[in-house]
N, C-alpha and C. Protein backbone atom coordinates (compact mmCIF):
# COMPACT_ATOMS: atom_id res chain seq x y z
N UNK A 1 43.42 -5.06 17.04
CA UNK A 1 43.72 -4.92 15.70
C UNK A 1 43.35 -4.08 14.37
N UNK A 2 42.13 -3.62 14.68
CA UNK A 2 41.58 -2.52 13.95
C UNK A 2 42.25 -1.11 14.25
N UNK A 3 42.81 -0.98 15.69
CA UNK A 3 43.14 0.18 16.20
C UNK A 3 44.41 0.09 15.52
N UNK A 4 45.35 -0.70 15.83
CA UNK A 4 46.29 -0.84 15.42
C UNK A 4 46.61 -0.19 13.68
N UNK A 5 45.36 -1.12 13.04
CA UNK A 5 45.56 -0.87 11.38
C UNK A 5 45.54 1.28 11.01
N UNK A 6 44.93 1.58 12.04
CA UNK A 6 44.15 2.75 12.20
C UNK A 6 45.79 3.78 12.79
N UNK A 7 46.20 3.69 13.53
CA UNK A 7 46.89 4.10 13.97
C UNK A 7 48.11 4.15 12.88
N UNK A 8 48.21 2.75 12.05
CA UNK A 8 49.52 2.73 10.76
C UNK A 8 49.71 3.76 9.76
N UNK A 9 48.30 3.61 9.55
CA UNK A 9 47.76 4.20 8.46
C UNK A 9 47.89 6.15 8.81
N UNK A 10 47.31 6.50 9.73
CA UNK A 10 47.90 7.48 10.44
C UNK A 10 49.37 8.05 10.12
N UNK A 11 50.05 6.92 10.62
CA UNK A 11 51.33 7.81 10.56
C UNK A 11 51.66 7.80 9.11
N UNK A 12 52.35 7.04 8.18
CA UNK A 12 52.33 6.48 6.74
C UNK A 12 51.66 8.17 6.15
N UNK A 13 50.14 8.33 7.00
CA UNK A 13 49.86 10.15 5.58
C UNK A 13 50.59 11.01 6.41
N UNK A 14 51.29 10.80 7.46
CA UNK A 14 52.09 11.89 8.14
C UNK A 14 53.65 11.90 7.12
N UNK A 15 53.74 10.59 7.11
CA UNK A 15 55.05 10.23 6.81
C UNK A 15 54.47 10.25 4.94
N UNK A 16 53.55 10.62 4.69
CA UNK A 16 53.60 11.01 2.39
C UNK A 16 53.46 12.25 2.86
N UNK A 17 52.65 12.66 3.94
CA UNK A 17 52.46 14.32 3.26
C UNK A 17 53.77 15.21 3.11
N UNK A 18 54.65 14.61 4.36
CA UNK A 18 56.46 15.24 4.38
C UNK A 18 56.45 14.72 3.28
N UNK A 19 56.79 14.03 2.73
CA UNK A 19 57.54 13.16 1.26
C UNK A 19 57.25 14.14 0.32
N UNK A 20 55.72 13.78 0.21
CA UNK A 20 55.69 15.89 -0.95
C UNK A 20 56.12 16.78 -0.47
N UNK A 21 55.83 16.85 0.63
CA UNK A 21 56.57 18.60 0.80
C UNK A 21 57.91 18.66 0.40
N UNK A 22 58.55 17.79 0.68
CA UNK A 22 60.06 17.98 0.48
C UNK A 22 60.26 17.84 -1.03
N UNK A 23 60.10 16.55 -1.22
CA UNK A 23 59.72 16.80 -3.04
C UNK A 23 59.57 17.89 -3.71
N UNK A 24 57.97 18.89 -2.98
CA UNK A 24 58.19 20.16 -4.28
C UNK A 24 58.85 20.65 -3.53
N UNK A 25 59.74 20.93 -2.38
CA UNK A 25 61.20 22.02 -2.49
C UNK A 25 61.92 22.06 -3.37
N UNK A 26 62.25 20.25 -3.43
CA UNK A 26 63.11 20.07 -4.79
C UNK A 26 63.08 20.07 -6.01
N UNK A 27 62.05 20.18 -6.03
CA UNK A 27 62.09 20.45 -7.49
C UNK A 27 61.90 22.45 -7.79
N UNK A 28 61.23 22.92 -6.70
CA UNK A 28 61.43 24.63 -7.10
C UNK A 28 63.16 25.18 -7.04
N UNK A 29 63.57 24.14 -5.60
CA UNK A 29 65.44 24.42 -6.24
C UNK A 29 65.71 24.35 -6.94
N UNK A 30 65.09 23.24 -7.64
CA UNK A 30 66.01 22.45 -9.12
C UNK A 30 65.64 22.92 -10.46
N UNK A 31 64.18 24.47 -10.61
CA UNK A 31 63.76 24.94 -10.63
C UNK A 31 63.97 26.00 -11.02
N UNK A 32 64.99 26.49 -9.35
CA UNK A 32 65.19 27.55 -9.42
C UNK A 32 66.16 28.23 -10.28
N UNK A 33 67.53 26.56 -9.98
CA UNK A 33 68.60 26.64 -10.49
C UNK A 33 68.76 25.95 -12.52
N UNK A 34 67.64 26.24 -12.40
CA UNK A 34 67.69 25.66 -14.19
C UNK A 34 67.50 27.29 -14.68
N UNK A 35 66.44 28.47 -14.24
CA UNK A 35 66.38 29.22 -14.38
C UNK A 35 67.43 30.48 -14.60
N UNK A 36 67.91 30.51 -13.02
CA UNK A 36 69.42 31.29 -12.92
C UNK A 36 70.86 30.78 -13.77
N UNK A 37 70.60 29.25 -14.12
CA UNK A 37 71.67 29.14 -14.93
C UNK A 37 71.63 29.88 -16.07
N UNK A 38 70.77 30.32 -17.05
CA UNK A 38 70.60 31.15 -18.49
C UNK A 38 71.46 31.96 -18.24
N UNK A 39 72.01 32.03 -19.17
CA UNK A 39 72.97 33.50 -19.52
C UNK A 39 71.82 34.62 -20.06
N UNK A 40 70.95 34.30 -19.88
CA UNK A 40 69.94 35.46 -20.32
C UNK A 40 69.07 36.28 -18.87
N UNK A 41 69.30 35.09 -18.23
CA UNK A 41 68.43 35.25 -16.92
C UNK A 41 69.72 35.53 -15.82
N UNK A 42 70.92 35.16 -16.38
CA UNK A 42 72.23 35.61 -15.30
C UNK A 42 71.85 37.51 -15.88
N UNK A 43 72.22 37.55 -17.22
CA UNK A 43 72.67 38.92 -17.47
C UNK A 43 71.47 40.09 -17.31
N UNK A 44 70.05 39.27 -17.01
CA UNK A 44 69.06 40.35 -16.84
C UNK A 44 69.26 40.60 -15.30
N UNK A 45 69.53 39.82 -14.00
CA UNK A 45 70.12 39.94 -12.49
C UNK A 45 70.94 40.37 -12.49
N UNK A 46 72.20 40.43 -13.70
CA UNK A 46 73.06 40.84 -13.41
C UNK A 46 72.43 42.95 -13.48
N UNK A 47 71.83 43.41 -14.41
CA UNK A 47 71.91 44.48 -14.72
C UNK A 47 69.98 45.18 -13.73
N UNK A 48 69.28 44.20 -13.25
CA UNK A 48 69.18 44.28 -12.46
C UNK A 48 69.08 44.55 -10.81
N UNK A 49 69.70 43.29 -10.49
CA UNK A 49 70.59 43.71 -9.09
C UNK A 49 70.76 43.09 -8.42
N UNK A 50 70.85 41.78 -7.30
CA UNK A 50 69.99 40.79 -7.16
C UNK A 50 70.14 41.75 -6.08
N UNK A 51 71.80 41.75 -5.89
CA UNK A 51 72.01 42.52 -4.21
C UNK A 51 70.97 43.07 -3.67
N UNK A 52 70.83 44.50 -4.25
CA UNK A 52 69.73 45.05 -3.91
C UNK A 52 68.85 44.87 -3.76
N UNK A 53 67.86 44.10 -4.60
CA UNK A 53 66.86 43.62 -3.85
C UNK A 53 66.94 42.23 -2.49
N UNK A 54 67.58 42.01 -2.02
CA UNK A 54 68.07 41.19 -0.68
C UNK A 54 68.35 42.20 0.20
N UNK A 55 68.58 43.53 -0.17
CA UNK A 55 69.20 44.55 1.13
C UNK A 55 67.80 45.15 1.06
N UNK A 56 67.03 45.26 0.68
CA UNK A 56 65.78 46.18 0.59
C UNK A 56 64.68 44.95 1.01
N UNK A 57 64.70 43.52 0.93
CA UNK A 57 63.95 42.64 1.33
C UNK A 57 63.96 42.48 3.13
N UNK A 58 65.39 42.90 3.07
CA UNK A 58 65.71 42.77 4.60
C UNK A 58 65.49 42.75 5.63
N UNK A 59 64.85 44.09 5.51
CA UNK A 59 64.12 44.72 6.79
C UNK A 59 62.49 43.78 7.12
N UNK A 60 62.06 43.80 6.23
CA UNK A 60 60.61 42.53 6.09
C UNK A 60 60.89 41.85 7.31
N UNK A 61 62.62 41.05 6.37
CA UNK A 61 62.73 39.80 6.68
C UNK A 61 62.89 39.55 8.12
N UNK A 62 63.65 41.04 8.77
CA UNK A 62 64.02 40.75 10.11
C UNK A 62 62.64 41.62 10.90
N UNK A 63 61.61 42.47 10.04
CA UNK A 63 60.19 42.52 10.90
C UNK A 63 59.69 41.91 11.10
N UNK A 64 59.52 40.50 10.37
CA UNK A 64 58.83 38.75 10.47
C UNK A 64 59.65 37.90 11.35
N UNK A 65 60.82 37.68 11.69
CA UNK A 65 60.95 37.47 12.45
C UNK A 65 60.40 38.16 14.37
N UNK A 66 60.78 39.45 14.32
CA UNK A 66 60.61 39.96 15.62
C UNK A 66 59.64 39.29 16.00
N UNK A 67 58.49 39.33 14.74
CA UNK A 67 57.02 39.23 15.27
C UNK A 67 57.16 37.50 15.43
N UNK A 68 57.06 36.92 14.41
CA UNK A 68 57.41 35.83 15.34
C UNK A 68 57.48 35.21 16.23
N UNK A 69 59.04 36.04 17.34
CA UNK A 69 59.61 35.11 18.50
C UNK A 69 58.37 36.02 19.58
N UNK A 70 57.17 36.95 18.50
CA UNK A 70 56.38 37.93 19.94
C UNK A 70 55.40 36.22 20.37
């Protein structure tokens, strides 16, 4: 009986951590959406060139995936 409770609580702990992780991701996405929807931020991003930033970061991302696949 006690072993069943321990195993059940262990699964609940995993479910809780997954739930907290997903809610954190949702908050980050929501916050980024709020920031980007601001007209001042949009104007700044257009001056800064977000596309150029993504193109500059692409080689690093490709290198990361190569290292990860090894």
